[in-house]
Amino acid sequence: MEPMHNHTHHDMIMMPMYFDASINVGALLFKEWQVNTGWMYALAIMVMVLASILNQFLFFIVRKNIDNKPTLEGYQQVEKNRNMRIYMWYAIKSVVFLFQNALSYLLMLAVMTFNVGIFVAVIVGNTIGWMIFSMRYVDYKDVAKLTQQRYNIAPDGCH
C-alpha cells in the first residue's frame, strides 16, 4: 500500500479574500493563463469584457420566444412544419443555455480572483451587452401604444 500524503497548508495557494488592484492576478481561470504583466492584464480585461457581452447575447437568445402565431386552418403540413420549427428552436435554446450557463460560471470564477479590474470588466461587459441586446427585443408597437395612451394621442396622430 502506498502511504497517504500529508497535505498541509503549505501545499495550497491561498487566494486573497479582499479586492486587490494589482496587475499580478496569477492564474486566471486556467493554470496556463498566467496574468502577471501589464499586457496580459490588459488582454485579460478585454477578454472579460467581450466574454461578458457574449454572455448577455446568449442570455437574450435563450429568452427570445419563437414567433408562435396561429397558421391558417386546414393546412396540416403547415402546422406540422410549425411544430417541428418550435421543437428545433427549443432544442437550440437548450444548447445555447448550456453554453450561457457555463460562461456565466466562468465569469463568476474570474470575479472570484478579487481583482478590481477583472470585476469591473465583467460588470461593464454585462452592462454593455444588456444595453445592446435588450434594445433589440423592444416591441416598438407597445412603446407607441403606451406613448399614445400617456399623452392622449389618437392612433392616427390627431389630438
N, C-alpha and C. Protein backbone atom coordinates (compact mmCIF):
# COMPACT_ATOMS: atom_id res chain seq x y z
N MET A 1 0.81 -1.19 0.00
CA MET A 1 0.00 0.00 0.00
C MET A 1 0.86 1.25 0.00
N GLU A 2 0.41 2.22 -0.74
CA GLU A 2 1.13 3.47 -0.81
C GLU A 2 0.78 4.34 0.40
N PRO A 3 1.75 5.00 0.98
CA PRO A 3 1.46 5.82 2.15
C PRO A 3 0.62 7.03 1.78
N MET A 4 -0.20 7.45 2.71
CA MET A 4 -1.03 8.64 2.47
C MET A 4 -0.16 9.87 2.54
N HIS A 5 -0.43 10.79 1.65
CA HIS A 5 0.33 12.04 1.65
C HIS A 5 -0.23 12.98 2.70
N ASN A 6 0.65 13.64 3.35
CA ASN A 6 0.25 14.59 4.38
C ASN A 6 0.14 15.97 3.74
N HIS A 7 -1.08 16.40 3.45
CA HIS A 7 -1.30 17.72 2.86
C HIS A 7 -1.46 18.73 3.97
N THR A 8 -0.59 19.68 3.98
CA THR A 8 -0.68 20.75 4.97
C THR A 8 -1.02 22.03 4.26
N HIS A 9 -1.14 23.09 5.02
CA HIS A 9 -1.47 24.38 4.42
C HIS A 9 -0.34 24.89 3.53
N HIS A 10 0.84 24.28 3.58
CA HIS A 10 1.95 24.70 2.72
C HIS A 10 1.74 24.23 1.28
N ASP A 11 0.89 23.24 1.07
CA ASP A 11 0.64 22.72 -0.27
C ASP A 11 -0.39 23.54 -1.04
N MET A 12 -1.14 24.36 -0.37
CA MET A 12 -2.22 25.10 -1.02
C MET A 12 -1.81 26.55 -1.22
N ILE A 13 -2.26 27.11 -2.33
CA ILE A 13 -2.05 28.52 -2.60
C ILE A 13 -3.26 29.27 -2.08
N MET A 14 -3.04 30.17 -1.18
CA MET A 14 -4.15 30.93 -0.60
C MET A 14 -4.43 32.17 -1.45
N MET A 15 -5.67 32.33 -1.83
CA MET A 15 -6.07 33.50 -2.60
C MET A 15 -6.59 34.55 -1.63
N PRO A 16 -6.37 35.81 -1.97
CA PRO A 16 -6.87 36.85 -1.07
C PRO A 16 -8.39 36.89 -1.07
N MET A 17 -8.95 37.24 0.06
CA MET A 17 -10.40 37.34 0.18
C MET A 17 -10.82 38.81 0.28
N TYR A 18 -10.08 39.66 -0.38
CA TYR A 18 -10.36 41.09 -0.42
C TYR A 18 -9.98 41.58 -1.81
N PHE A 19 -10.56 42.71 -2.23
CA PHE A 19 -10.27 43.24 -3.55
C PHE A 19 -8.86 43.79 -3.61
N ASP A 20 -8.21 43.53 -4.74
CA ASP A 20 -6.84 43.93 -4.97
C ASP A 20 -6.78 44.60 -6.34
N ALA A 21 -6.01 45.66 -6.47
CA ALA A 21 -5.92 46.38 -7.73
C ALA A 21 -4.63 46.07 -8.48
N SER A 22 -3.93 45.04 -8.13
CA SER A 22 -2.65 44.69 -8.74
C SER A 22 -2.85 44.11 -10.13
N ILE A 23 -1.86 44.31 -11.02
CA ILE A 23 -1.91 43.67 -12.33
C ILE A 23 -1.42 42.23 -12.26
N ASN A 24 -0.89 41.83 -11.14
CA ASN A 24 -0.41 40.47 -10.96
C ASN A 24 -1.55 39.61 -10.39
N VAL A 25 -2.37 39.09 -11.29
CA VAL A 25 -3.53 38.28 -10.90
C VAL A 25 -3.12 36.83 -10.65
N GLY A 26 -2.10 36.38 -11.34
CA GLY A 26 -1.71 34.98 -11.26
C GLY A 26 -2.52 34.18 -12.28
N ALA A 27 -2.90 32.98 -11.92
CA ALA A 27 -3.68 32.13 -12.84
C ALA A 27 -5.11 32.65 -12.91
N LEU A 28 -5.56 32.88 -14.14
CA LEU A 28 -6.94 33.35 -14.35
C LEU A 28 -7.70 32.25 -15.09
N LEU A 29 -8.59 31.60 -14.39
CA LEU A 29 -9.44 30.52 -14.88
C LEU A 29 -8.69 29.23 -15.16
N PHE A 30 -7.52 29.30 -15.76
CA PHE A 30 -6.74 28.12 -16.08
C PHE A 30 -5.31 28.30 -15.60
N LYS A 31 -4.69 27.24 -15.19
CA LYS A 31 -3.33 27.30 -14.67
C LYS A 31 -2.36 27.89 -15.70
N GLU A 32 -2.61 27.60 -16.96
CA GLU A 32 -1.73 28.08 -18.03
C GLU A 32 -1.91 29.56 -18.34
N TRP A 33 -3.03 30.16 -17.95
CA TRP A 33 -3.28 31.57 -18.25
C TRP A 33 -2.78 32.41 -17.07
N GLN A 34 -1.52 32.71 -17.09
CA GLN A 34 -0.89 33.49 -16.04
C GLN A 34 -0.95 34.97 -16.40
N VAL A 35 -1.56 35.75 -15.55
CA VAL A 35 -1.67 37.20 -15.76
C VAL A 35 -0.72 37.86 -14.76
N ASN A 36 0.45 38.25 -15.27
CA ASN A 36 1.44 38.86 -14.38
C ASN A 36 2.21 40.00 -15.02
N THR A 37 1.78 40.44 -16.20
CA THR A 37 2.38 41.61 -16.84
C THR A 37 1.27 42.57 -17.24
N GLY A 38 1.64 43.77 -17.56
CA GLY A 38 0.66 44.77 -17.97
C GLY A 38 -0.09 44.36 -19.22
N TRP A 39 0.61 43.79 -20.20
CA TRP A 39 -0.03 43.37 -21.44
C TRP A 39 -1.01 42.22 -21.20
N MET A 40 -0.61 41.28 -20.38
CA MET A 40 -1.50 40.16 -20.08
C MET A 40 -2.72 40.63 -19.29
N TYR A 41 -2.52 41.61 -18.44
CA TYR A 41 -3.63 42.17 -17.66
C TYR A 41 -4.61 42.89 -18.59
N ALA A 42 -4.07 43.69 -19.52
CA ALA A 42 -4.93 44.40 -20.49
C ALA A 42 -5.69 43.39 -21.35
N LEU A 43 -5.02 42.33 -21.77
CA LEU A 43 -5.68 41.29 -22.56
C LEU A 43 -6.78 40.60 -21.74
N ALA A 44 -6.49 40.32 -20.47
CA ALA A 44 -7.49 39.69 -19.60
C ALA A 44 -8.70 40.58 -19.43
N ILE A 45 -8.49 41.89 -19.28
CA ILE A 45 -9.60 42.84 -19.15
C ILE A 45 -10.46 42.81 -20.41
N MET A 46 -9.81 42.86 -21.59
CA MET A 46 -10.56 42.85 -22.85
C MET A 46 -11.32 41.54 -23.02
N VAL A 47 -10.70 40.42 -22.68
CA VAL A 47 -11.37 39.12 -22.80
C VAL A 47 -12.58 39.06 -21.87
N MET A 48 -12.45 39.59 -20.66
CA MET A 48 -13.57 39.57 -19.71
C MET A 48 -14.73 40.44 -20.20
N VAL A 49 -14.41 41.61 -20.77
CA VAL A 49 -15.48 42.48 -21.31
C VAL A 49 -16.18 41.77 -22.46
N LEU A 50 -15.41 41.22 -23.40
CA LEU A 50 -16.02 40.54 -24.55
C LEU A 50 -16.79 39.30 -24.13
N ALA A 51 -16.26 38.53 -23.19
CA ALA A 51 -16.96 37.34 -22.71
C ALA A 51 -18.27 37.72 -22.02
N SER A 52 -18.27 38.84 -21.31
CA SER A 52 -19.50 39.30 -20.64
C SER A 52 -20.54 39.77 -21.65
N ILE A 53 -20.08 40.43 -22.70
CA ILE A 53 -21.02 40.84 -23.77
C ILE A 53 -21.59 39.59 -24.43
N LEU A 54 -20.75 38.60 -24.73
CA LEU A 54 -21.23 37.34 -25.30
C LEU A 54 -22.22 36.66 -24.36
N ASN A 55 -21.95 36.71 -23.07
CA ASN A 55 -22.85 36.13 -22.07
C ASN A 55 -24.24 36.75 -22.18
N GLN A 56 -24.31 38.07 -22.32
CA GLN A 56 -25.61 38.74 -22.44
C GLN A 56 -26.28 38.39 -23.77
N PHE A 57 -25.51 38.26 -24.84
CA PHE A 57 -26.07 37.86 -26.12
C PHE A 57 -26.72 36.48 -26.01
N LEU A 58 -26.01 35.53 -25.40
CA LEU A 58 -26.56 34.19 -25.22
C LEU A 58 -27.79 34.21 -24.31
N PHE A 59 -27.73 35.06 -23.28
CA PHE A 59 -28.87 35.19 -22.37
C PHE A 59 -30.12 35.65 -23.12
N PHE A 60 -29.98 36.63 -24.00
CA PHE A 60 -31.15 37.13 -24.73
C PHE A 60 -31.62 36.16 -25.79
N ILE A 61 -30.73 35.32 -26.34
CA ILE A 61 -31.17 34.27 -27.26
C ILE A 61 -32.05 33.28 -26.50
N VAL A 62 -31.62 32.91 -25.31
CA VAL A 62 -32.39 31.96 -24.51
C VAL A 62 -33.76 32.54 -24.16
N ARG A 63 -33.82 33.83 -23.90
CA ARG A 63 -35.09 34.46 -23.52
C ARG A 63 -36.01 34.73 -24.70
N LYS A 64 -35.48 34.78 -25.92
CA LYS A 64 -36.30 35.11 -27.09
C LYS A 64 -37.27 33.98 -27.37
N ASN A 65 -38.49 34.34 -27.64
CA ASN A 65 -39.52 33.36 -27.98
C ASN A 65 -39.66 33.26 -29.49
N ILE A 66 -40.03 32.09 -29.94
CA ILE A 66 -40.28 31.89 -31.36
C ILE A 66 -41.62 32.51 -31.72
N ASP A 67 -41.72 33.00 -32.94
CA ASP A 67 -42.98 33.55 -33.41
C ASP A 67 -43.99 32.41 -33.47
N ASN A 68 -44.99 32.44 -32.61
CA ASN A 68 -45.92 31.33 -32.45
C ASN A 68 -47.33 31.75 -32.87
N LYS A 69 -47.43 32.50 -33.96
CA LYS A 69 -48.74 32.94 -34.42
C LYS A 69 -49.48 31.78 -35.07
N PRO A 70 -50.78 31.72 -34.85
CA PRO A 70 -51.53 30.62 -35.46
C PRO A 70 -51.47 30.68 -36.98
N THR A 71 -51.46 29.50 -37.58
CA THR A 71 -51.42 29.42 -39.04
C THR A 71 -52.84 29.23 -39.56
N LEU A 72 -52.99 29.23 -40.87
CA LEU A 72 -54.30 29.03 -41.50
C LEU A 72 -54.84 27.65 -41.15
N GLU A 73 -56.13 27.58 -40.82
CA GLU A 73 -56.76 26.30 -40.52
C GLU A 73 -56.83 25.46 -41.80
N GLY A 74 -56.72 24.13 -41.61
CA GLY A 74 -56.87 23.23 -42.74
C GLY A 74 -55.56 22.87 -43.43
N TYR A 75 -54.50 23.50 -43.08
CA TYR A 75 -53.21 23.20 -43.70
C TYR A 75 -52.38 22.41 -42.69
N GLN A 76 -52.55 21.09 -42.69
CA GLN A 76 -51.87 20.25 -41.71
C GLN A 76 -50.36 20.26 -41.90
N GLN A 77 -49.89 20.33 -43.14
CA GLN A 77 -48.45 20.34 -43.39
C GLN A 77 -47.82 21.61 -42.81
N VAL A 78 -48.51 22.73 -42.96
CA VAL A 78 -48.01 23.98 -42.40
C VAL A 78 -47.94 23.86 -40.88
N GLU A 79 -48.96 23.28 -40.27
CA GLU A 79 -49.00 23.10 -38.81
C GLU A 79 -47.88 22.16 -38.36
N LYS A 80 -47.66 21.08 -39.14
CA LYS A 80 -46.60 20.14 -38.79
C LYS A 80 -45.23 20.81 -38.87
N ASN A 81 -44.99 21.61 -39.91
CA ASN A 81 -43.73 22.34 -40.05
C ASN A 81 -43.55 23.34 -38.91
N ARG A 82 -44.63 23.99 -38.53
CA ARG A 82 -44.59 24.96 -37.44
C ARG A 82 -44.20 24.27 -36.13
N ASN A 83 -44.80 23.11 -35.86
CA ASN A 83 -44.47 22.37 -34.64
C ASN A 83 -43.02 21.90 -34.66
N MET A 84 -42.54 21.42 -35.81
CA MET A 84 -41.15 20.99 -35.92
C MET A 84 -40.21 22.17 -35.68
N ARG A 85 -40.58 23.32 -36.22
CA ARG A 85 -39.77 24.53 -36.01
C ARG A 85 -39.70 24.90 -34.54
N ILE A 86 -40.81 24.76 -33.84
CA ILE A 86 -40.85 25.07 -32.40
C ILE A 86 -39.97 24.10 -31.63
N TYR A 87 -40.05 22.80 -31.95
CA TYR A 87 -39.22 21.81 -31.26
C TYR A 87 -37.73 22.06 -31.51
N MET A 88 -37.39 22.38 -32.75
CA MET A 88 -35.98 22.67 -33.08
C MET A 88 -35.50 23.92 -32.34
N TRP A 89 -36.36 24.94 -32.29
CA TRP A 89 -36.00 26.18 -31.60
C TRP A 89 -35.72 25.90 -30.13
N TYR A 90 -36.53 25.11 -29.47
CA TYR A 90 -36.30 24.81 -28.06
C TYR A 90 -35.08 23.91 -27.86
N ALA A 91 -34.78 23.05 -28.81
CA ALA A 91 -33.56 22.23 -28.72
C ALA A 91 -32.33 23.13 -28.85
N ILE A 92 -32.37 24.07 -29.79
CA ILE A 92 -31.26 25.01 -29.96
C ILE A 92 -31.12 25.88 -28.72
N LYS A 93 -32.25 26.35 -28.19
CA LYS A 93 -32.20 27.17 -26.98
C LYS A 93 -31.60 26.41 -25.81
N SER A 94 -31.84 25.12 -25.73
CA SER A 94 -31.27 24.31 -24.65
C SER A 94 -29.75 24.25 -24.75
N VAL A 95 -29.24 24.09 -25.96
CA VAL A 95 -27.79 24.06 -26.17
C VAL A 95 -27.20 25.44 -25.87
N VAL A 96 -27.85 26.48 -26.32
CA VAL A 96 -27.38 27.84 -26.04
C VAL A 96 -27.38 28.09 -24.53
N PHE A 97 -28.42 27.61 -23.84
CA PHE A 97 -28.48 27.77 -22.39
C PHE A 97 -27.30 27.08 -21.71
N LEU A 98 -26.93 25.90 -22.21
CA LEU A 98 -25.78 25.18 -21.67
C LEU A 98 -24.52 26.05 -21.74
N PHE A 99 -24.26 26.63 -22.92
CA PHE A 99 -23.08 27.47 -23.09
C PHE A 99 -23.18 28.76 -22.28
N GLN A 100 -24.36 29.35 -22.24
CA GLN A 100 -24.53 30.59 -21.48
C GLN A 100 -24.32 30.34 -19.99
N ASN A 101 -24.82 29.23 -19.51
CA ASN A 101 -24.67 28.88 -18.10
C ASN A 101 -23.20 28.63 -17.77
N ALA A 102 -22.50 27.88 -18.61
CA ALA A 102 -21.08 27.61 -18.40
C ALA A 102 -20.27 28.90 -18.43
N LEU A 103 -20.57 29.78 -19.38
CA LEU A 103 -19.87 31.06 -19.46
C LEU A 103 -20.14 31.92 -18.23
N SER A 104 -21.36 31.92 -17.74
CA SER A 104 -21.69 32.67 -16.53
C SER A 104 -20.86 32.21 -15.34
N TYR A 105 -20.72 30.90 -15.20
CA TYR A 105 -19.93 30.37 -14.09
C TYR A 105 -18.44 30.69 -14.26
N LEU A 106 -17.94 30.66 -15.49
CA LEU A 106 -16.54 31.04 -15.71
C LEU A 106 -16.32 32.51 -15.35
N LEU A 107 -17.27 33.37 -15.72
CA LEU A 107 -17.15 34.78 -15.36
C LEU A 107 -17.20 34.96 -13.84
N MET A 108 -18.05 34.17 -13.18
CA MET A 108 -18.11 34.23 -11.72
C MET A 108 -16.76 33.83 -11.11
N LEU A 109 -16.15 32.78 -11.65
CA LEU A 109 -14.85 32.36 -11.14
C LEU A 109 -13.79 33.43 -11.39
N ALA A 110 -13.87 34.12 -12.52
CA ALA A 110 -12.92 35.20 -12.79
C ALA A 110 -13.10 36.33 -11.77
N VAL A 111 -14.33 36.66 -11.46
CA VAL A 111 -14.60 37.71 -10.46
C VAL A 111 -14.07 37.27 -9.09
N MET A 112 -14.09 35.98 -8.84
CA MET A 112 -13.64 35.49 -7.54
C MET A 112 -12.12 35.58 -7.35
N THR A 113 -11.40 36.10 -8.36
CA THR A 113 -9.99 36.41 -8.15
C THR A 113 -9.84 37.65 -7.26
N PHE A 114 -10.95 38.34 -7.05
CA PHE A 114 -10.99 39.56 -6.24
C PHE A 114 -10.09 40.65 -6.80
N ASN A 115 -9.92 40.66 -8.11
CA ASN A 115 -9.16 41.72 -8.75
C ASN A 115 -10.13 42.80 -9.20
N VAL A 116 -9.85 44.03 -8.85
CA VAL A 116 -10.76 45.14 -9.16
C VAL A 116 -10.97 45.28 -10.66
N GLY A 117 -9.91 45.21 -11.44
CA GLY A 117 -10.02 45.36 -12.90
C GLY A 117 -10.86 44.27 -13.54
N ILE A 118 -10.66 43.03 -13.11
CA ILE A 118 -11.44 41.91 -13.65
C ILE A 118 -12.91 42.08 -13.26
N PHE A 119 -13.15 42.46 -12.02
CA PHE A 119 -14.52 42.66 -11.53
C PHE A 119 -15.22 43.75 -12.35
N VAL A 120 -14.55 44.88 -12.52
CA VAL A 120 -15.15 45.99 -13.27
C VAL A 120 -15.35 45.59 -14.73
N ALA A 121 -14.40 44.85 -15.32
CA ALA A 121 -14.53 44.42 -16.71
C ALA A 121 -15.76 43.54 -16.91
N VAL A 122 -16.02 42.63 -15.98
CA VAL A 122 -17.19 41.75 -16.09
C VAL A 122 -18.47 42.56 -15.95
N ILE A 123 -18.51 43.48 -14.99
CA ILE A 123 -19.70 44.30 -14.79
C ILE A 123 -19.95 45.21 -16.00
N VAL A 124 -18.90 45.85 -16.49
CA VAL A 124 -19.05 46.74 -17.65
C VAL A 124 -19.47 45.94 -18.89
N GLY A 125 -18.86 44.78 -19.11
CA GLY A 125 -19.23 43.96 -20.25
C GLY A 125 -20.67 43.50 -20.19
N ASN A 126 -21.12 43.07 -19.02
CA ASN A 126 -22.53 42.66 -18.87
C ASN A 126 -23.46 43.84 -19.10
N THR A 127 -23.08 45.01 -18.64
CA THR A 127 -23.92 46.20 -18.82
C THR A 127 -23.99 46.59 -20.29
N ILE A 128 -22.85 46.61 -20.96
CA ILE A 128 -22.83 46.93 -22.40
C ILE A 128 -23.65 45.90 -23.17
N GLY A 129 -23.46 44.64 -22.88
CA GLY A 129 -24.22 43.59 -23.55
C GLY A 129 -25.71 43.73 -23.33
N TRP A 130 -26.09 44.03 -22.09
CA TRP A 130 -27.51 44.20 -21.80
C TRP A 130 -28.07 45.39 -22.58
N MET A 131 -27.31 46.50 -22.62
CA MET A 131 -27.79 47.69 -23.36
C MET A 131 -27.95 47.37 -24.84
N ILE A 132 -27.00 46.67 -25.41
CA ILE A 132 -27.06 46.36 -26.85
C ILE A 132 -28.20 45.40 -27.17
N PHE A 133 -28.27 44.30 -26.44
CA PHE A 133 -29.19 43.23 -26.83
C PHE A 133 -30.59 43.40 -26.28
N SER A 134 -30.76 44.14 -25.20
CA SER A 134 -32.12 44.34 -24.69
C SER A 134 -32.91 45.27 -25.60
N MET A 135 -32.23 46.19 -26.26
CA MET A 135 -32.93 47.11 -27.17
C MET A 135 -33.45 46.38 -28.41
N ARG A 136 -32.85 45.28 -28.77
CA ARG A 136 -33.28 44.54 -29.95
C ARG A 136 -34.61 43.82 -29.72
N TYR A 137 -34.99 43.66 -28.47
CA TYR A 137 -36.21 42.92 -28.17
C TYR A 137 -37.33 43.81 -27.67
N VAL A 138 -37.16 45.11 -27.86
CA VAL A 138 -38.24 46.03 -27.50
C VAL A 138 -39.29 45.96 -28.59
N ASP A 139 -40.52 45.79 -28.19
CA ASP A 139 -41.62 45.80 -29.15
C ASP A 139 -42.05 47.26 -29.32
N TYR A 140 -41.64 47.85 -30.43
CA TYR A 140 -41.88 49.28 -30.65
C TYR A 140 -43.36 49.59 -30.79
N LYS A 141 -44.17 48.61 -31.19
CA LYS A 141 -45.61 48.83 -31.24
C LYS A 141 -46.16 49.07 -29.84
N ASP A 142 -45.63 48.30 -28.86
CA ASP A 142 -46.05 48.50 -27.47
C ASP A 142 -45.61 49.86 -26.97
N VAL A 143 -44.40 50.29 -27.34
CA VAL A 143 -43.90 51.61 -26.91
C VAL A 143 -44.79 52.70 -27.51
N ALA A 144 -45.15 52.58 -28.79
CA ALA A 144 -46.00 53.58 -29.43
C ALA A 144 -47.38 53.60 -28.76
N LYS A 145 -47.91 52.45 -28.44
CA LYS A 145 -49.22 52.36 -27.79
C LYS A 145 -49.19 53.02 -26.42
N LEU A 146 -48.14 52.76 -25.63
CA LEU A 146 -48.01 53.38 -24.31
C LEU A 146 -47.86 54.89 -24.42
N THR A 147 -47.11 55.33 -25.43
CA THR A 147 -46.93 56.77 -25.65
C THR A 147 -48.26 57.42 -26.00
N GLN A 148 -49.02 56.77 -26.87
CA GLN A 148 -50.33 57.31 -27.25
C GLN A 148 -51.24 57.40 -26.03
N GLN A 149 -51.24 56.38 -25.20
CA GLN A 149 -52.09 56.38 -24.00
C GLN A 149 -51.65 57.46 -23.02
N ARG A 150 -50.34 57.58 -22.84
CA ARG A 150 -49.84 58.53 -21.84
C ARG A 150 -50.14 59.97 -22.23
N TYR A 151 -49.97 60.30 -23.49
CA TYR A 151 -50.15 61.68 -23.94
C TYR A 151 -51.48 61.90 -24.66
N ASN A 152 -52.38 60.94 -24.54
CA ASN A 152 -53.71 61.04 -25.15
C ASN A 152 -53.64 61.39 -26.63
N ILE A 153 -52.82 60.66 -27.36
CA ILE A 153 -52.68 60.87 -28.80
C ILE A 153 -53.51 59.80 -29.49
N ALA A 154 -54.31 60.21 -30.44
CA ALA A 154 -55.11 59.25 -31.21
C ALA A 154 -54.19 58.42 -32.10
N PRO A 155 -54.59 57.18 -32.40
CA PRO A 155 -53.73 56.32 -33.25
C PRO A 155 -53.38 56.92 -34.59
N ASP A 156 -54.23 57.79 -35.13
CA ASP A 156 -53.93 58.40 -36.42
C ASP A 156 -53.05 59.63 -36.29
N GLY A 157 -52.66 59.99 -35.08
CA GLY A 157 -51.75 61.10 -34.86
C GLY A 157 -52.44 62.41 -34.53
N CYS A 158 -53.78 62.46 -34.64
CA CYS A 158 -54.50 63.68 -34.31
C CYS A 158 -54.80 63.72 -32.81
N HIS A 159 -55.01 64.91 -32.29
CA HIS A 159 -55.29 65.07 -30.85
C HIS A 159 -56.69 64.70 -30.51
